[in-house]
Amino acid sequence: MLLKASIIEPNIFRYCSKLVQLKIPTSIFLIGDYSFNYCSSLIKISIPSSVTIIEEGAFCKCLGLMEITIPSTVTIINKNVFYGCESLKRIIIPSSVTAINKAAFCRCSSLEEVEIPSSVFSIGEKAFQGCKSLKKITIPSSVVLIKD
């Protein structure tokens, strides 16, 4: 009997430096901790709406990552998820997201624009630290907690 995978295990593709593009199947609902950590050649990621959880550091240090679409099924952008994604220029955060956790976009040095939806009420410490190219960020009045 062949079973469909429902999760991407933690660390499973860590240091796969030649991986360029990723298409996640619709049977996946969870992307584990540091699953794609240091996939330095990964440029584009397509995450299906079946994914509801992206765990800590899932795409941390994907240095070449330029484009990602977060599906509207994700409610929390966890700690270090995009930490050190130096080529990421723009991120669209869906209106399903209620919290951006610690260092989620820390050291995304090419990030120029972030639009935070009114569904977000909490932004964790160092969430955008080291985003030295950041020109525009929109923080809605719904945000009641910004940790330092």
N, C-alpha and C. Protein backbone atom coordinates (compact mmCIF):
# COMPACT_ATOMS: atom_id res chain seq x y z
N MET A 1 0.85 -1.18 0.00
CA MET A 1 0.00 0.00 0.00
C MET A 1 0.89 1.24 0.00
N LEU A 2 0.62 2.18 -0.90
CA LEU A 2 1.37 3.42 -1.02
C LEU A 2 0.61 4.52 -0.29
N LEU A 3 1.29 5.15 0.67
CA LEU A 3 0.67 6.23 1.44
C LEU A 3 1.13 7.58 0.91
N LYS A 4 0.24 8.56 0.90
CA LYS A 4 0.61 9.92 0.54
C LYS A 4 1.22 10.60 1.77
N ALA A 5 2.28 11.33 1.54
CA ALA A 5 2.88 12.08 2.64
C ALA A 5 1.96 13.22 3.05
N SER A 6 1.90 13.49 4.36
CA SER A 6 1.07 14.60 4.83
C SER A 6 1.92 15.68 5.51
N ILE A 7 3.16 15.34 5.83
CA ILE A 7 4.06 16.34 6.41
C ILE A 7 5.44 16.25 5.75
N ILE A 8 6.13 17.37 5.78
CA ILE A 8 7.54 17.38 5.37
C ILE A 8 8.32 17.40 6.68
N GLU A 9 9.06 16.35 6.91
CA GLU A 9 9.77 16.16 8.18
C GLU A 9 10.81 17.25 8.44
N PRO A 10 11.09 17.55 9.71
CA PRO A 10 12.13 18.51 10.04
C PRO A 10 13.49 18.11 9.44
N ASN A 11 14.21 19.09 8.97
CA ASN A 11 15.59 18.95 8.47
C ASN A 11 15.75 18.06 7.23
N ILE A 12 14.69 17.60 6.63
CA ILE A 12 14.78 16.58 5.58
C ILE A 12 15.56 17.04 4.33
N PHE A 13 15.45 18.30 3.97
CA PHE A 13 16.17 18.80 2.80
C PHE A 13 17.26 19.80 3.20
N ARG A 14 17.61 19.83 4.44
CA ARG A 14 18.62 20.76 4.96
C ARG A 14 19.93 20.59 4.19
N TYR A 15 20.51 21.71 3.81
CA TYR A 15 21.79 21.77 3.07
C TYR A 15 21.72 21.16 1.66
N CYS A 16 20.55 21.09 1.06
CA CYS A 16 20.44 20.65 -0.34
C CYS A 16 20.72 21.89 -1.20
N SER A 17 21.96 22.22 -1.34
CA SER A 17 22.38 23.48 -1.95
C SER A 17 22.14 23.57 -3.45
N LYS A 18 21.82 22.48 -4.12
CA LYS A 18 21.56 22.50 -5.57
C LYS A 18 20.06 22.58 -5.89
N LEU A 19 19.21 22.48 -4.88
CA LEU A 19 17.76 22.55 -5.08
C LEU A 19 17.37 23.95 -5.51
N VAL A 20 16.75 24.09 -6.71
CA VAL A 20 16.44 25.40 -7.28
C VAL A 20 14.97 25.77 -7.13
N GLN A 21 14.08 24.84 -7.37
CA GLN A 21 12.64 25.12 -7.33
C GLN A 21 11.94 24.04 -6.54
N LEU A 22 10.86 24.42 -5.89
CA LEU A 22 10.14 23.50 -5.03
C LEU A 22 8.64 23.63 -5.27
N LYS A 23 8.01 22.52 -5.55
CA LYS A 23 6.55 22.48 -5.65
C LYS A 23 6.08 21.43 -4.65
N ILE A 24 5.36 21.87 -3.67
CA ILE A 24 4.91 21.00 -2.60
C ILE A 24 3.55 20.39 -2.99
N PRO A 25 3.40 19.07 -2.86
CA PRO A 25 2.13 18.44 -3.23
C PRO A 25 0.98 18.85 -2.31
N THR A 26 -0.23 18.72 -2.80
CA THR A 26 -1.43 19.13 -2.05
C THR A 26 -1.78 18.18 -0.90
N SER A 27 -1.07 17.09 -0.77
CA SER A 27 -1.31 16.18 0.36
C SER A 27 -0.61 16.68 1.64
N ILE A 28 0.27 17.65 1.51
CA ILE A 28 1.05 18.16 2.65
C ILE A 28 0.26 19.23 3.41
N PHE A 29 0.22 19.11 4.75
CA PHE A 29 -0.41 20.14 5.56
C PHE A 29 0.58 20.81 6.51
N LEU A 30 1.76 20.20 6.71
CA LEU A 30 2.73 20.75 7.64
C LEU A 30 4.14 20.70 7.05
N ILE A 31 4.86 21.82 7.15
CA ILE A 31 6.27 21.88 6.75
C ILE A 31 7.06 21.98 8.04
N GLY A 32 7.87 20.97 8.32
CA GLY A 32 8.57 20.85 9.60
C GLY A 32 9.71 21.82 9.83
N ASP A 33 10.16 21.88 11.08
CA ASP A 33 11.27 22.74 11.49
C ASP A 33 12.48 22.56 10.58
N TYR A 34 12.99 23.66 10.10
CA TYR A 34 14.24 23.72 9.32
C TYR A 34 14.29 22.73 8.16
N SER A 35 13.14 22.41 7.59
CA SER A 35 13.04 21.44 6.48
C SER A 35 13.91 21.79 5.29
N PHE A 36 13.98 23.08 4.96
CA PHE A 36 14.73 23.53 3.78
C PHE A 36 15.85 24.48 4.16
N ASN A 37 16.28 24.41 5.39
CA ASN A 37 17.35 25.26 5.91
C ASN A 37 18.61 25.12 5.05
N TYR A 38 19.16 26.25 4.67
CA TYR A 38 20.40 26.31 3.86
C TYR A 38 20.25 25.70 2.46
N CYS A 39 19.07 25.74 1.90
CA CYS A 39 18.89 25.38 0.47
C CYS A 39 19.20 26.65 -0.30
N SER A 40 20.47 26.95 -0.43
CA SER A 40 20.94 28.26 -0.90
C SER A 40 20.62 28.57 -2.35
N SER A 41 20.30 27.58 -3.18
CA SER A 41 19.97 27.82 -4.59
C SER A 41 18.47 27.88 -4.84
N LEU A 42 17.68 27.64 -3.82
CA LEU A 42 16.22 27.65 -3.96
C LEU A 42 15.76 29.07 -4.27
N ILE A 43 15.08 29.25 -5.41
CA ILE A 43 14.68 30.58 -5.88
C ILE A 43 13.18 30.82 -5.69
N LYS A 44 12.38 29.81 -5.95
CA LYS A 44 10.93 29.97 -5.93
C LYS A 44 10.28 28.80 -5.20
N ILE A 45 9.27 29.13 -4.40
CA ILE A 45 8.55 28.10 -3.67
C ILE A 45 7.06 28.29 -3.90
N SER A 46 6.41 27.20 -4.24
CA SER A 46 4.96 27.21 -4.41
C SER A 46 4.36 26.36 -3.30
N ILE A 47 3.67 27.00 -2.38
CA ILE A 47 3.08 26.29 -1.25
C ILE A 47 1.57 26.17 -1.49
N PRO A 48 1.04 24.95 -1.50
CA PRO A 48 -0.40 24.79 -1.75
C PRO A 48 -1.25 25.19 -0.55
N SER A 49 -2.53 25.40 -0.79
CA SER A 49 -3.45 25.80 0.28
C SER A 49 -3.72 24.69 1.29
N SER A 50 -3.24 23.48 1.01
CA SER A 50 -3.38 22.39 1.98
C SER A 50 -2.47 22.60 3.20
N VAL A 51 -1.42 23.41 3.03
CA VAL A 51 -0.47 23.68 4.12
C VAL A 51 -1.09 24.68 5.09
N THR A 52 -1.17 24.27 6.36
CA THR A 52 -1.71 25.15 7.40
C THR A 52 -0.66 25.57 8.41
N ILE A 53 0.45 24.80 8.47
CA ILE A 53 1.51 25.08 9.45
C ILE A 53 2.87 25.07 8.76
N ILE A 54 3.60 26.16 8.95
CA ILE A 54 5.00 26.22 8.52
C ILE A 54 5.79 26.43 9.80
N GLU A 55 6.52 25.41 10.21
CA GLU A 55 7.18 25.44 11.51
C GLU A 55 8.47 26.27 11.49
N GLU A 56 9.04 26.41 12.68
CA GLU A 56 10.22 27.24 12.91
C GLU A 56 11.35 26.99 11.90
N GLY A 57 11.84 28.08 11.33
CA GLY A 57 13.02 28.03 10.47
C GLY A 57 12.89 27.23 9.19
N ALA A 58 11.68 26.94 8.76
CA ALA A 58 11.47 26.05 7.61
C ALA A 58 12.27 26.46 6.37
N PHE A 59 12.39 27.77 6.11
CA PHE A 59 13.11 28.24 4.93
C PHE A 59 14.29 29.14 5.33
N CYS A 60 14.75 28.98 6.54
CA CYS A 60 15.86 29.77 7.08
C CYS A 60 17.10 29.61 6.21
N LYS A 61 17.74 30.74 5.91
CA LYS A 61 19.00 30.78 5.15
C LYS A 61 18.88 30.23 3.73
N CYS A 62 17.70 30.36 3.13
CA CYS A 62 17.55 30.07 1.69
C CYS A 62 18.01 31.34 0.98
N LEU A 63 19.29 31.47 0.82
CA LEU A 63 19.92 32.71 0.38
C LEU A 63 19.45 33.20 -0.99
N GLY A 64 19.07 32.31 -1.89
CA GLY A 64 18.64 32.69 -3.23
C GLY A 64 17.15 32.89 -3.38
N LEU A 65 16.38 32.64 -2.32
CA LEU A 65 14.92 32.70 -2.40
C LEU A 65 14.45 34.11 -2.73
N MET A 66 13.79 34.24 -3.89
CA MET A 66 13.30 35.54 -4.34
C MET A 66 11.78 35.64 -4.29
N GLU A 67 11.11 34.51 -4.35
CA GLU A 67 9.66 34.54 -4.47
C GLU A 67 9.02 33.41 -3.67
N ILE A 68 8.04 33.79 -2.88
CA ILE A 68 7.26 32.79 -2.14
C ILE A 68 5.85 33.31 -1.96
N THR A 69 4.90 32.42 -2.06
CA THR A 69 3.51 32.77 -1.80
C THR A 69 3.06 31.96 -0.60
N ILE A 70 2.66 32.68 0.44
CA ILE A 70 2.15 32.03 1.64
C ILE A 70 0.65 31.85 1.45
N PRO A 71 0.15 30.63 1.55
CA PRO A 71 -1.29 30.42 1.33
C PRO A 71 -2.14 31.02 2.45
N SER A 72 -3.39 31.27 2.15
CA SER A 72 -4.31 31.87 3.12
C SER A 72 -4.77 30.88 4.19
N THR A 73 -4.23 29.69 4.18
CA THR A 73 -4.53 28.69 5.20
C THR A 73 -3.56 28.77 6.37
N VAL A 74 -2.49 29.52 6.21
CA VAL A 74 -1.48 29.69 7.27
C VAL A 74 -1.92 30.82 8.19
N THR A 75 -1.88 30.58 9.52
CA THR A 75 -2.33 31.60 10.47
C THR A 75 -1.20 32.25 11.26
N ILE A 76 -0.05 31.57 11.33
CA ILE A 76 1.10 32.11 12.08
C ILE A 76 2.36 31.98 11.24
N ILE A 77 3.12 33.06 11.18
CA ILE A 77 4.44 33.00 10.57
C ILE A 77 5.40 32.77 11.73
N ASN A 78 5.89 31.55 11.83
CA ASN A 78 6.66 31.13 12.99
C ASN A 78 8.08 31.69 13.04
N LYS A 79 8.69 31.48 14.18
CA LYS A 79 10.05 31.95 14.47
C LYS A 79 11.04 31.51 13.38
N ASN A 80 11.83 32.46 12.91
CA ASN A 80 12.94 32.21 11.97
C ASN A 80 12.53 31.60 10.63
N VAL A 81 11.25 31.61 10.27
CA VAL A 81 10.80 30.93 9.05
C VAL A 81 11.57 31.39 7.82
N PHE A 82 11.78 32.70 7.68
CA PHE A 82 12.50 33.24 6.52
C PHE A 82 13.80 33.93 6.93
N TYR A 83 14.29 33.61 8.09
CA TYR A 83 15.52 34.24 8.61
C TYR A 83 16.66 34.10 7.59
N GLY A 84 17.28 35.22 7.25
CA GLY A 84 18.46 35.19 6.38
C GLY A 84 18.18 34.88 4.92
N CYS A 85 16.94 35.04 4.47
CA CYS A 85 16.62 34.87 3.05
C CYS A 85 17.02 36.17 2.35
N GLU A 86 18.28 36.29 2.05
CA GLU A 86 18.89 37.54 1.60
C GLU A 86 18.39 38.06 0.25
N SER A 87 17.80 37.22 -0.58
CA SER A 87 17.34 37.66 -1.91
C SER A 87 15.85 37.98 -1.96
N LEU A 88 15.14 37.73 -0.88
CA LEU A 88 13.70 37.97 -0.83
C LEU A 88 13.43 39.48 -0.84
N LYS A 89 12.70 39.95 -1.86
CA LYS A 89 12.47 41.39 -2.00
C LYS A 89 11.11 41.85 -1.49
N ARG A 90 10.12 41.02 -1.66
CA ARG A 90 8.76 41.41 -1.29
C ARG A 90 8.02 40.19 -0.75
N ILE A 91 7.22 40.43 0.24
CA ILE A 91 6.44 39.34 0.81
C ILE A 91 4.99 39.82 0.96
N ILE A 92 4.08 38.97 0.55
CA ILE A 92 2.66 39.26 0.75
C ILE A 92 2.17 38.34 1.85
N ILE A 93 1.76 38.95 2.93
CA ILE A 93 1.28 38.19 4.07
C ILE A 93 -0.24 38.09 3.94
N PRO A 94 -0.78 36.87 3.90
CA PRO A 94 -2.23 36.72 3.71
C PRO A 94 -3.03 37.20 4.92
N SER A 95 -4.28 37.51 4.69
CA SER A 95 -5.15 38.03 5.76
C SER A 95 -5.54 36.97 6.79
N SER A 96 -5.12 35.75 6.59
CA SER A 96 -5.36 34.68 7.57
C SER A 96 -4.35 34.73 8.73
N VAL A 97 -3.24 35.41 8.52
CA VAL A 97 -2.16 35.46 9.52
C VAL A 97 -2.53 36.38 10.67
N THR A 98 -2.36 35.85 11.89
CA THR A 98 -2.66 36.64 13.09
C THR A 98 -1.41 37.04 13.87
N ALA A 99 -0.30 36.34 13.62
CA ALA A 99 0.93 36.65 14.35
C ALA A 99 2.16 36.42 13.47
N ILE A 100 3.12 37.32 13.63
CA ILE A 100 4.43 37.19 12.99
C ILE A 100 5.40 37.02 14.15
N ASN A 101 5.99 35.85 14.27
CA ASN A 101 6.79 35.53 15.45
C ASN A 101 8.24 36.01 15.34
N LYS A 102 8.97 35.78 16.41
CA LYS A 102 10.35 36.25 16.57
C LYS A 102 11.22 35.94 15.35
N ALA A 103 11.90 36.97 14.86
CA ALA A 103 12.91 36.87 13.80
C ALA A 103 12.39 36.22 12.51
N ALA A 104 11.09 36.30 12.27
CA ALA A 104 10.49 35.66 11.10
C ALA A 104 11.13 36.09 9.79
N PHE A 105 11.45 37.38 9.66
CA PHE A 105 12.07 37.92 8.45
C PHE A 105 13.42 38.56 8.76
N CYS A 106 13.99 38.24 9.87
CA CYS A 106 15.27 38.81 10.31
C CYS A 106 16.35 38.56 9.26
N ARG A 107 17.12 39.59 8.95
CA ARG A 107 18.24 39.52 8.01
C ARG A 107 17.83 39.18 6.58
N CYS A 108 16.61 39.54 6.22
CA CYS A 108 16.19 39.47 4.81
C CYS A 108 16.65 40.80 4.21
N SER A 109 17.92 40.88 3.91
CA SER A 109 18.57 42.15 3.58
C SER A 109 18.10 42.80 2.28
N SER A 110 17.42 42.07 1.41
CA SER A 110 16.90 42.65 0.16
C SER A 110 15.42 43.00 0.25
N LEU A 111 14.80 42.67 1.37
CA LEU A 111 13.36 42.91 1.53
C LEU A 111 13.09 44.41 1.47
N GLU A 112 12.25 44.82 0.53
CA GLU A 112 11.96 46.24 0.31
C GLU A 112 10.58 46.66 0.79
N GLU A 113 9.63 45.74 0.76
CA GLU A 113 8.26 46.12 1.06
C GLU A 113 7.52 45.01 1.78
N VAL A 114 6.79 45.38 2.82
CA VAL A 114 5.98 44.42 3.58
C VAL A 114 4.63 45.08 3.87
N GLU A 115 3.59 44.36 3.54
CA GLU A 115 2.26 44.83 3.87
C GLU A 115 1.66 43.85 4.86
N ILE A 116 1.44 44.33 6.06
CA ILE A 116 0.91 43.48 7.12
C ILE A 116 -0.61 43.67 7.14
N PRO A 117 -1.37 42.58 7.02
CA PRO A 117 -2.84 42.69 6.99
C PRO A 117 -3.42 43.03 8.36
N SER A 118 -4.64 43.50 8.36
CA SER A 118 -5.31 43.90 9.60
C SER A 118 -5.66 42.72 10.50
N SER A 119 -5.44 41.50 10.04
CA SER A 119 -5.68 40.32 10.87
C SER A 119 -4.56 40.10 11.89
N VAL A 120 -3.39 40.71 11.66
CA VAL A 120 -2.23 40.53 12.54
C VAL A 120 -2.39 41.38 13.80
N PHE A 121 -2.20 40.74 14.96
CA PHE A 121 -2.28 41.47 16.22
C PHE A 121 -0.96 41.47 16.97
N SER A 122 0.00 40.63 16.54
CA SER A 122 1.26 40.51 17.27
C SER A 122 2.44 40.37 16.31
N ILE A 123 3.51 41.15 16.60
CA ILE A 123 4.75 41.06 15.84
C ILE A 123 5.86 40.79 16.85
N GLY A 124 6.56 39.67 16.67
CA GLY A 124 7.59 39.24 17.62
C GLY A 124 8.87 40.04 17.52
N GLU A 125 9.69 39.90 18.54
CA GLU A 125 10.95 40.63 18.59
C GLU A 125 11.86 40.26 17.41
N LYS A 126 12.56 41.23 16.92
CA LYS A 126 13.52 41.09 15.82
C LYS A 126 12.89 40.56 14.53
N ALA A 127 11.56 40.69 14.40
CA ALA A 127 10.87 40.16 13.22
C ALA A 127 11.44 40.69 11.92
N PHE A 128 11.87 41.95 11.92
CA PHE A 128 12.39 42.57 10.69
C PHE A 128 13.80 43.14 10.91
N GLN A 129 14.49 42.68 11.92
CA GLN A 129 15.84 43.18 12.20
C GLN A 129 16.78 42.86 11.04
N GLY A 130 17.60 43.81 10.65
CA GLY A 130 18.58 43.59 9.59
C GLY A 130 18.00 43.63 8.18
N CYS A 131 16.77 44.10 8.04
CA CYS A 131 16.15 44.26 6.71
C CYS A 131 16.58 45.64 6.21
N LYS A 132 17.83 45.76 5.84
CA LYS A 132 18.43 47.06 5.53
C LYS A 132 17.92 47.71 4.25
N SER A 133 17.21 46.96 3.39
CA SER A 133 16.65 47.53 2.16
C SER A 133 15.18 47.90 2.30
N LEU A 134 14.63 47.69 3.49
CA LEU A 134 13.20 47.93 3.72
C LEU A 134 12.86 49.40 3.52
N LYS A 135 11.99 49.67 2.53
CA LYS A 135 11.58 51.03 2.20
C LYS A 135 10.17 51.34 2.70
N LYS A 136 9.34 50.30 2.74
CA LYS A 136 7.94 50.52 3.11
C LYS A 136 7.42 49.33 3.91
N ILE A 137 6.81 49.66 5.04
CA ILE A 137 6.13 48.64 5.84
C ILE A 137 4.83 49.26 6.34
N THR A 138 3.77 48.52 6.21
CA THR A 138 2.46 48.99 6.66
C THR A 138 2.07 48.17 7.87
N ILE A 139 1.92 48.84 9.02
CA ILE A 139 1.51 48.16 10.26
C ILE A 139 0.10 48.66 10.59
N PRO A 140 -0.87 47.77 10.54
CA PRO A 140 -2.26 48.20 10.80
C PRO A 140 -2.54 48.46 12.28
N SER A 141 -3.62 49.12 12.55
CA SER A 141 -4.00 49.45 13.94
C SER A 141 -4.39 48.19 14.73
N SER A 142 -4.62 47.07 14.06
CA SER A 142 -4.96 45.82 14.74
C SER A 142 -3.79 45.26 15.55
N VAL A 143 -2.57 45.70 15.23
CA VAL A 143 -1.38 45.22 15.95
C VAL A 143 -1.37 45.87 17.34
N VAL A 144 -1.49 45.03 18.36
CA VAL A 144 -1.50 45.52 19.74
C VAL A 144 -0.23 45.19 20.50
N LEU A 145 0.62 44.34 19.89
CA LEU A 145 1.85 43.95 20.56
C LEU A 145 2.99 43.88 19.55
N ILE A 146 4.01 44.72 19.80
CA ILE A 146 5.25 44.64 19.03
C ILE A 146 6.35 44.47 20.05
N LYS A 147 6.97 43.30 20.04
CA LYS A 147 8.03 43.02 21.02
C LYS A 147 9.35 43.60 20.54
N ASP A 148 10.16 44.03 21.51
CA ASP A 148 11.48 44.57 21.13
C ASP A 148 12.61 43.65 21.49
